Amino acid sequence: MKNLILLALTLSLLTTSCENTKDDLPEIQEVVEEPIIQQYGYIFNDFNVTRDTIRSGDTFGDILYSNGVSHDKIMEVATKFRDSFDVRRIRVGKPYILLNSKDSLNQTQVFIYETNKIDYAVVDFRDEISIYNNQKPIRYQEREASGIISNSLSATMEEQNLSPNMTDQLANIYAWTINFFKLQKGDRFKVIYTERFIDDTIPAGLHEIKAAYFEHHGKPLYAFNFSSDSLDNISGYYDEQANNLKRAFLKAPVKFSRISSRYNLNRRIKYYGFKLRPHKGTDFAAPIGTPILATADGVITKSEYRGGNGNYVKIRHNGTYETQYLHMKARKVKVGQFVSQGDVIGWIGMTGNTGGPHVCYRFWKNGKQVDPFQEETPFSEPLPEELHDQYFAELLPLKEELDCITF
């Protein structure tokens, strides 16, 4: 009995001793490290970070001066570094970031201005002022799309939730071979393209079309993007036989307008008593102010206002072809100036004899006005034979991929 009591007392003392030991141990606290945030080449943890957008009335000087940057430094940026970052060009609604010092002054040390989703400018005020432009990390992802024209190309793109930019790119690719004013219901297309993503997750829009297939009036038209560093940095779209899709002349001088009156040598108008009044141009109707494009490279030979033509421009392209553009609201070019295909030469207007906003496009061949839609204008230079092996090696897998895309 006595031994049992001693054993119980010993166990009690041991238990008490263990409990006291636990209570005497210091409490262990979990240390949580702050995640390192690194953006635009800076570790944001080292600064007080302010994110904002340019508001109406904001200026570069006001923003920086109110955050402790001296007038001298602001003026140095505005004058010495204008070619790298023009402070007058900051725009309302654009995001910017201030990286301020982690002290009582909270003075701006770095100013970051986002020009667009991808491009940004950095002004670093630490030590000597430095300014540079850069881009956010971009990932390119290949995608596929297809569609059947039900109304217009842009409407079909919208139905497929595709970027409006794809409409423009496709129209540019086939601008020399397809009359987009005469698309038919049932025309169809396939595209292989790359899309941009910022920081792997944020969509930044269409990058480029790698290959395309357009079936117009039942005729298949392939287009493959090809570039080479050799032979004057060749770049463009070619078909499955390595023919350049680009022709010497665009199909129209205005994007996505409509033809309101065609070339017609037998035209009779009721207003003039049904007398024969030939129309030797093609009228493209579009809203006032719509850009008018040069349909081919050439030199401006006329840029003036004259009678029923109103404001007009005439371009000599070579010894055979000339084009003329009438009824402009305003002209952008001068006599003697060289223009490239697609350059803006003026804007849609209603000057001279016209009943509505349009450009009358006139096409001259060997000094005679002809119908441009009846002319087989020449292609641009084909792909040099030296590059055919490289081109076809790149073309074959893209063509197979295109052919496997379903509508």
Protein backbone atom coordinates (compact mmCIF):
# COMPACT_ATOMS: atom_id res chain seq x y z
CA MET A 1 0.00 0.00 0.00
CA LYS A 2 2.82 2.33 0.99
CA ASN A 3 4.59 1.61 -2.31
CA LEU A 4 1.44 2.47 -4.29
CA ILE A 5 1.16 5.88 -2.59
CA LEU A 6 4.81 6.69 -3.36
CA LEU A 7 4.32 5.73 -7.02
CA ALA A 8 1.26 7.98 -7.33
CA LEU A 9 3.11 10.94 -5.80
CA THR A 10 6.06 10.41 -8.18
CA LEU A 11 3.78 10.34 -11.27
CA SER A 12 2.01 13.49 -10.07
CA LEU A 13 5.29 15.35 -9.67
CA LEU A 14 6.48 14.24 -13.13
CA THR A 15 3.24 15.42 -14.74
CA THR A 16 3.42 18.77 -13.00
CA SER A 17 7.04 19.14 -14.01
CA CYS A 18 6.22 18.46 -17.70
CA GLU A 19 3.35 20.96 -17.68
CA ASN A 20 5.53 23.62 -16.10
CA THR A 21 8.22 22.96 -18.72
CA LYS A 22 5.74 23.50 -21.57
CA ASP A 23 4.51 26.74 -20.03
CA ASP A 24 8.05 28.00 -19.63
CA LEU A 25 8.92 27.47 -23.34
CA PRO A 26 8.80 30.68 -25.44
CA GLU A 27 5.91 30.88 -27.91
CA ILE A 28 7.08 30.27 -31.52
CA GLN A 29 5.63 32.82 -33.95
CA GLU A 30 5.37 32.04 -37.66
CA VAL A 31 7.29 34.54 -39.80
CA VAL A 32 5.52 35.30 -43.11
CA GLU A 33 7.86 36.78 -45.71
CA GLU A 34 6.47 39.53 -47.95
CA PRO A 35 6.24 38.25 -51.55
CA ILE A 36 8.67 39.98 -53.87
CA ILE A 37 6.87 42.02 -56.52
CA GLN A 38 9.03 42.74 -59.55
CA GLN A 39 7.59 44.66 -62.50
CA TYR A 40 8.99 46.94 -65.22
CA GLY A 41 12.51 45.95 -64.09
CA TYR A 42 12.04 47.24 -60.51
CA ILE A 43 11.43 45.49 -57.17
CA PHE A 44 8.30 47.28 -56.00
CA ASN A 45 8.89 46.19 -52.36
CA ASP A 46 11.71 48.76 -52.22
CA PHE A 47 9.32 51.68 -52.87
CA ASN A 48 6.06 53.24 -51.85
CA VAL A 49 3.99 52.49 -54.94
CA THR A 50 1.24 54.74 -56.31
CA ARG A 51 -0.83 53.66 -59.32
CA ASP A 52 -3.04 56.23 -61.06
CA THR A 53 -4.26 57.45 -64.46
CA ILE A 54 -3.77 60.77 -66.21
CA ARG A 55 -6.76 63.00 -65.50
CA SER A 56 -8.03 66.02 -67.39
CA GLY A 57 -5.78 68.96 -66.56
CA ASP A 58 -2.87 66.81 -65.35
CA THR A 59 0.61 67.60 -66.64
CA PHE A 60 3.85 65.71 -66.20
CA GLY A 61 5.26 68.66 -64.24
CA ASP A 62 2.31 68.94 -61.86
CA ILE A 63 2.31 65.21 -61.08
CA LEU A 64 6.05 65.05 -60.36
CA TYR A 65 6.37 68.40 -58.55
CA SER A 66 3.57 67.46 -56.15
CA ASN A 67 5.60 64.31 -55.38
CA GLY A 68 8.82 66.08 -54.49
CA VAL A 69 10.67 66.27 -57.82
CA SER A 70 12.40 69.60 -58.40
CA HIS A 71 11.55 71.99 -61.23
CA ASP A 72 15.12 71.62 -62.55
CA LYS A 73 14.79 67.86 -62.98
CA ILE A 74 11.34 68.21 -64.56
CA MET A 75 12.69 70.77 -67.06
CA GLU A 76 15.67 68.53 -67.84
CA VAL A 77 13.31 65.69 -68.77
CA ALA A 78 11.07 68.02 -70.81
CA THR A 79 13.93 69.53 -72.84
CA LYS A 80 16.93 67.20 -72.89
CA PHE A 81 15.06 63.92 -73.36
CA ARG A 82 12.22 64.98 -75.66
CA ASP A 83 13.15 62.43 -78.34
CA SER A 84 12.87 59.55 -75.84
CA PHE A 85 9.85 60.77 -73.88
CA ASP A 86 7.83 63.81 -74.93
CA VAL A 87 6.08 65.01 -71.75
CA ARG A 88 3.56 66.95 -73.88
CA ARG A 89 2.18 63.69 -75.28
CA ILE A 90 0.82 62.15 -72.09
CA ARG A 91 -2.86 61.45 -72.62
CA VAL A 92 -5.95 61.47 -70.41
CA GLY A 93 -6.87 57.95 -69.28
CA LYS A 94 -3.38 56.47 -69.65
CA PRO A 95 -2.07 54.63 -66.55
CA TYR A 96 1.10 55.67 -64.72
CA ILE A 97 3.03 54.43 -61.67
CA LEU A 98 5.09 56.40 -59.14
CA LEU A 99 7.82 54.58 -57.23
CA ASN A 100 8.48 56.78 -54.20
CA SER A 101 11.21 56.59 -51.58
CA LYS A 102 10.43 54.65 -48.39
CA ASP A 103 11.23 57.52 -46.03
CA SER A 104 9.54 60.60 -44.61
CA LEU A 105 10.05 62.51 -47.89
CA ASN A 106 8.11 59.94 -49.98
CA GLN A 107 9.75 61.51 -53.04
CA THR A 108 9.20 60.07 -56.53
CA GLN A 109 12.29 58.24 -57.72
CA VAL A 110 10.82 56.50 -60.79
CA PHE A 111 7.93 57.49 -63.08
CA ILE A 112 6.45 54.79 -65.35
CA TYR A 113 3.99 55.74 -68.12
CA GLU A 114 2.05 53.13 -70.10
CA THR A 115 1.77 54.23 -73.73
CA ASN A 116 -0.48 51.24 -74.48
CA LYS A 117 -1.07 47.72 -73.17
CA ILE A 118 2.43 46.65 -74.18
CA ASP A 119 4.73 49.68 -74.48
CA TYR A 120 5.84 51.85 -71.58
CA ALA A 121 8.31 54.63 -70.80
CA VAL A 122 10.44 54.92 -67.67
CA VAL A 123 11.90 58.10 -66.17
CA ASP A 124 14.40 57.28 -63.40
CA PHE A 125 15.31 60.32 -61.24
CA ARG A 126 17.88 58.55 -59.05
CA ASP A 127 21.46 59.77 -59.48
CA GLU A 128 21.63 61.05 -63.08
CA ILE A 129 18.27 61.11 -64.88
CA SER A 130 17.81 58.20 -67.26
CA ILE A 131 14.93 57.58 -69.64
CA TYR A 132 14.15 54.53 -71.72
CA ASN A 133 11.27 52.84 -73.53
CA ASN A 134 10.49 49.15 -73.18
CA GLN A 135 7.81 46.48 -73.59
CA LYS A 136 6.11 44.13 -71.16
CA PRO A 137 6.93 40.43 -71.60
CA ILE A 138 4.79 39.10 -74.46
CA ARG A 139 3.84 35.51 -75.21
CA TYR A 140 2.57 34.57 -78.67
CA GLN A 141 0.01 31.81 -79.01
CA GLU A 142 -1.01 30.29 -82.33
CA ARG A 143 -4.76 30.05 -82.94
CA GLU A 144 -7.16 29.07 -85.72
CA ALA A 145 -10.45 30.54 -86.92
CA SER A 146 -12.91 30.12 -89.77
CA GLY A 147 -16.20 31.56 -90.94
CA ILE A 148 -18.82 31.68 -93.66
CA ILE A 149 -19.90 35.11 -94.92
CA SER A 150 -23.56 35.76 -94.11
CA ASN A 151 -23.63 39.54 -94.51
CA SER A 152 -20.23 41.26 -94.49
CA LEU A 153 -16.73 40.27 -93.47
CA SER A 154 -16.82 42.48 -90.36
CA ALA A 155 -20.24 41.14 -89.29
CA THR A 156 -19.02 37.56 -89.69
CA MET A 157 -15.91 38.34 -87.63
CA GLU A 158 -18.11 39.80 -84.91
CA GLU A 159 -20.31 36.67 -84.92
CA GLN A 160 -17.17 34.56 -84.44
CA ASN A 161 -15.96 36.83 -81.58
CA LEU A 162 -12.86 37.67 -83.59
CA SER A 163 -10.92 40.91 -83.37
CA PRO A 164 -11.95 43.76 -85.72
CA ASN A 165 -8.24 44.00 -86.45
CA MET A 166 -8.50 40.64 -88.20
CA THR A 167 -11.00 42.16 -90.62
CA ASP A 168 -8.48 44.86 -91.50
CA GLN A 169 -5.59 42.42 -91.83
CA LEU A 170 -7.53 40.04 -94.08
CA ALA A 171 -8.74 42.96 -96.19
CA ASN A 172 -5.14 44.18 -96.55
CA ILE A 173 -3.85 40.72 -97.48
CA TYR A 174 -6.46 40.27 -100.23
CA ALA A 175 -6.84 43.94 -101.16
CA TRP A 176 -5.31 43.29 -104.60
CA THR A 177 -7.20 40.09 -105.43
CA ILE A 178 -10.68 40.34 -103.87
CA ASN A 179 -13.26 43.06 -104.37
CA PHE A 180 -14.64 43.31 -100.83
CA PHE A 181 -17.60 45.34 -102.09
CA LYS A 182 -18.83 42.23 -103.91
CA LEU A 183 -18.50 39.51 -101.28
CA GLN A 184 -21.21 36.90 -101.73
CA LYS A 185 -23.21 35.08 -99.09
CA GLY A 186 -21.45 31.75 -98.75
CA ASP A 187 -17.92 33.07 -99.34
CA ARG A 188 -15.75 31.63 -96.58
CA PHE A 189 -12.37 31.90 -94.92
CA LYS A 190 -9.89 30.14 -92.66
CA VAL A 191 -6.99 31.75 -90.80
CA ILE A 192 -4.00 30.68 -88.75
CA TYR A 193 -2.89 33.59 -86.60
CA THR A 194 -0.92 34.49 -83.50
CA GLU A 195 -2.41 36.29 -80.53
CA ARG A 196 -0.43 38.28 -77.98
CA PHE A 197 -0.62 37.81 -74.21
CA ILE A 198 1.01 40.11 -71.65
CA ASP A 199 2.57 38.38 -68.64
CA ASP A 200 1.19 35.09 -70.02
CA THR A 201 -2.44 35.87 -69.09
CA ILE A 202 -3.63 39.29 -70.29
CA PRO A 203 -4.91 39.28 -73.91
CA ALA A 204 -3.26 42.01 -76.00
CA GLY A 205 -4.89 41.41 -79.35
CA LEU A 206 -4.04 39.98 -82.73
CA HIS A 207 -0.36 39.88 -83.67
CA GLU A 208 -0.29 38.66 -87.28
CA ILE A 209 -1.95 36.28 -89.71
CA LYS A 210 0.47 33.47 -90.58
CA ALA A 211 -1.68 31.87 -93.28
CA ALA A 212 -5.14 32.35 -94.75
CA TYR A 213 -7.60 30.73 -97.12
CA PHE A 214 -10.40 32.75 -98.72
CA GLU A 215 -12.97 31.17 -101.01
CA HIS A 216 -14.55 33.92 -103.14
CA HIS A 217 -17.09 33.07 -105.86
CA GLY A 218 -16.01 29.45 -105.39
CA LYS A 219 -12.38 30.28 -106.19
CA PRO A 220 -9.86 29.28 -103.47
CA LEU A 221 -7.19 31.84 -102.63
CA TYR A 222 -4.33 30.88 -100.32
CA ALA A 223 -2.07 33.41 -98.60
CA PHE A 224 1.13 32.61 -96.67
CA ASN A 225 3.14 35.16 -94.73
CA PHE A 226 6.80 34.95 -95.65
CA SER A 227 9.83 37.02 -94.79
CA SER A 228 13.53 36.62 -95.39
CA ASP A 229 16.53 38.62 -94.18
CA SER A 230 18.24 38.03 -97.49
CA LEU A 231 17.53 39.84 -100.76
CA ASP A 232 16.50 43.24 -99.38
CA ASN A 233 14.51 41.89 -96.42
CA ILE A 234 11.64 40.48 -98.49
CA SER A 235 8.33 40.32 -96.62
CA GLY A 236 4.76 39.79 -97.79
CA TYR A 237 2.00 37.32 -98.61
CA TYR A 238 2.34 34.77 -101.39
CA ASP A 239 0.08 32.02 -102.76
CA GLU A 240 0.78 28.27 -103.03
CA GLN A 241 2.81 28.84 -106.21
CA ALA A 242 4.97 31.57 -104.62
CA ASN A 243 3.17 34.33 -106.57
CA ASN A 244 3.00 37.68 -104.82
CA LEU A 245 -0.59 38.46 -103.78
CA LYS A 246 0.18 42.13 -104.02
CA ARG A 247 -0.75 43.74 -107.33
CA ALA A 248 0.42 47.01 -108.74
CA PHE A 249 -3.01 48.54 -107.92
CA LEU A 250 -5.42 48.29 -105.01
CA LYS A 251 -8.98 47.32 -105.90
CA ALA A 252 -10.34 50.54 -104.39
CA PRO A 253 -9.11 53.87 -103.02
CA VAL A 254 -11.32 53.67 -99.90
CA LYS A 255 -11.57 50.88 -97.32
CA PHE A 256 -15.00 49.33 -96.71
CA SER A 257 -17.06 51.81 -98.69
CA ARG A 258 -19.63 50.92 -101.34
CA ILE A 259 -19.76 51.56 -105.06
CA SER A 260 -22.54 54.06 -105.67
CA SER A 261 -21.99 54.46 -109.42
CA ARG A 262 -19.96 52.39 -111.86
CA TYR A 263 -17.97 53.18 -114.97
CA ASN A 264 -20.66 53.33 -117.68
CA LEU A 265 -20.20 54.79 -121.16
CA ASN A 266 -23.93 54.37 -121.92
CA ARG A 267 -25.30 56.20 -118.88
CA ARG A 268 -28.44 58.31 -119.39
CA ILE A 269 -29.83 60.54 -116.62
CA LYS A 270 -33.48 61.58 -116.32
CA TYR A 271 -32.53 65.02 -114.94
CA TYR A 272 -30.71 65.77 -118.23
CA GLY A 273 -33.55 64.52 -120.40
CA PHE A 274 -32.07 61.04 -120.76
CA LYS A 275 -29.26 62.40 -122.90
CA LEU A 276 -26.17 60.26 -123.14
CA ARG A 277 -23.82 61.29 -120.34
CA PRO A 278 -21.02 58.70 -120.02
CA HIS A 279 -19.61 58.13 -116.55
CA LYS A 280 -15.90 57.43 -116.93
CA GLY A 281 -15.20 56.92 -113.25
CA THR A 282 -16.23 54.63 -110.39
CA ASP A 283 -17.87 56.34 -107.42
CA PHE A 284 -17.08 55.04 -103.92
CA ALA A 285 -19.51 56.41 -101.35
CA ALA A 286 -18.27 56.93 -97.78
CA PRO A 287 -18.76 59.43 -94.92
CA ILE A 288 -17.16 62.86 -95.20
CA GLY A 289 -13.63 62.75 -93.82
CA THR A 290 -12.95 59.11 -94.75
CA PRO A 291 -9.29 58.75 -95.90
CA ILE A 292 -8.67 58.34 -99.65
CA LEU A 293 -5.71 56.10 -100.51
CA ALA A 294 -3.31 56.07 -103.43
CA THR A 295 -4.03 52.80 -105.22
CA ALA A 296 -0.42 52.44 -106.40
CA ASP A 297 3.04 53.99 -106.11
CA GLY A 298 3.50 57.11 -108.19
CA VAL A 299 4.17 60.84 -108.48
CA ILE A 300 1.53 63.55 -107.97
CA THR A 301 0.96 65.43 -111.25
CA LYS A 302 -2.17 67.38 -110.22
CA SER A 303 -3.41 68.59 -106.84
CA GLU A 304 -5.90 71.43 -107.24
CA TYR A 305 -9.49 72.66 -107.20
CA ARG A 306 -11.17 72.84 -110.61
CA GLY A 307 -14.85 73.24 -111.56
CA GLY A 308 -16.99 70.11 -111.35
CA ASN A 309 -14.03 68.03 -110.15
CA GLY A 310 -13.78 70.03 -106.94
CA ASN A 311 -10.65 69.20 -104.98
CA TYR A 312 -8.87 66.47 -106.91
CA VAL A 313 -5.53 64.68 -107.20
CA LYS A 314 -3.98 62.92 -110.18
CA ILE A 315 -1.10 60.42 -109.94
CA ARG A 316 1.20 59.13 -112.69
CA HIS A 317 2.29 55.58 -111.83
CA ASN A 318 4.40 54.76 -114.89
CA GLY A 319 4.36 55.24 -118.65
CA THR A 320 1.06 53.36 -118.93
CA TYR A 321 -1.13 54.10 -115.92
CA GLU A 322 -2.54 57.19 -114.16
CA THR A 323 -5.29 57.52 -111.55
CA GLN A 324 -7.47 60.46 -110.54
CA TYR A 325 -9.47 61.14 -107.33
CA LEU A 326 -12.29 63.73 -107.40
CA HIS A 327 -14.56 65.69 -104.99
CA MET A 328 -12.19 65.62 -102.00
CA LYS A 329 -12.96 67.58 -98.87
CA ALA A 330 -9.24 68.39 -98.65
CA ARG A 331 -6.01 67.34 -100.33
CA LYS A 332 -2.96 66.09 -98.44
CA VAL A 333 -0.37 65.97 -101.24
CA LYS A 334 1.46 68.39 -103.53
CA VAL A 335 2.55 68.24 -107.17
CA GLY A 336 5.88 66.44 -107.56
CA GLN A 337 5.48 64.43 -104.36
CA PHE A 338 6.09 60.67 -104.49
CA VAL A 339 3.43 58.53 -102.80
CA SER A 340 3.39 54.84 -101.96
CA GLN A 341 0.47 52.48 -102.40
CA GLY A 342 -1.93 52.92 -99.48
CA ASP A 343 -0.75 56.44 -98.54
CA VAL A 344 -3.52 58.89 -97.59
CA ILE A 345 -3.74 61.57 -100.31
CA GLY A 346 -6.95 63.31 -99.17
CA TRP A 347 -10.37 62.86 -97.57
CA ILE A 348 -13.90 62.16 -98.83
CA GLY A 349 -15.91 65.31 -99.44
CA MET A 350 -18.60 66.92 -101.61
CA THR A 351 -16.68 69.56 -103.58
CA GLY A 352 -17.52 70.23 -107.24
CA ASN A 353 -20.54 68.63 -108.91
CA THR A 354 -21.72 65.92 -106.55
CA GLY A 355 -24.97 64.90 -104.91
CA GLY A 356 -23.41 63.16 -101.93
CA PRO A 357 -20.12 62.36 -100.19
CA HIS A 358 -17.95 60.12 -102.37
CA VAL A 359 -14.74 59.92 -104.36
CA CYS A 360 -14.95 59.55 -108.12
CA TYR A 361 -12.03 57.26 -108.98
CA ARG A 362 -10.78 57.50 -112.57
CA PHE A 363 -8.34 55.06 -114.10
CA TRP A 364 -6.24 56.00 -117.14
CA LYS A 365 -4.39 53.57 -119.42
CA ASN A 366 -2.23 54.98 -122.20
CA GLY A 367 -4.02 58.34 -121.87
CA LYS A 368 -7.53 56.84 -122.09
CA GLN A 369 -10.02 56.43 -119.22
CA VAL A 370 -10.96 52.77 -118.70
CA ASP A 371 -12.87 50.64 -116.20
CA PRO A 372 -10.38 49.54 -113.52
CA PHE A 373 -12.47 46.43 -112.73
CA GLN A 374 -12.07 45.23 -116.31
CA GLU A 375 -8.29 45.67 -116.30
CA GLU A 376 -5.91 42.83 -115.48
CA THR A 377 -3.33 44.92 -113.69
CA PRO A 378 0.10 43.35 -113.23
CA PHE A 379 1.28 41.62 -110.05
CA SER A 380 4.17 42.96 -108.04
CA GLU A 381 7.50 41.16 -108.24
CA PRO A 382 7.20 37.39 -107.58
CA LEU A 383 9.24 35.66 -104.91
CA PRO A 384 12.82 35.18 -106.20
CA GLU A 385 13.58 31.59 -107.16
CA GLU A 386 16.53 31.55 -104.75
CA LEU A 387 14.02 31.61 -101.88
CA HIS A 388 11.59 28.99 -103.22
CA ASP A 389 13.07 26.07 -101.26
CA GLN A 390 12.81 28.00 -97.99
CA TYR A 391 9.32 29.25 -98.84
CA PHE A 392 7.85 25.85 -99.73
CA ALA A 393 9.43 24.23 -96.65
CA GLU A 394 7.54 26.76 -94.50
CA LEU A 395 4.36 26.64 -96.61
CA LEU A 396 3.64 22.88 -96.57
CA PRO A 397 2.86 22.42 -92.84
CA LEU A 398 0.77 25.61 -92.82
CA LYS A 399 -1.22 24.50 -95.88
CA GLU A 400 -1.90 21.11 -94.28
CA GLU A 401 -3.07 22.85 -91.10
CA LEU A 402 -5.32 25.20 -93.10
CA ASP A 403 -6.87 22.34 -95.06
CA CYS A 404 -7.74 20.53 -91.82
CA ILE A 405 -9.65 23.50 -90.36
CA THR A 406 -13.43 23.01 -90.66
CA PHE A 407 -15.91 25.80 -91.39
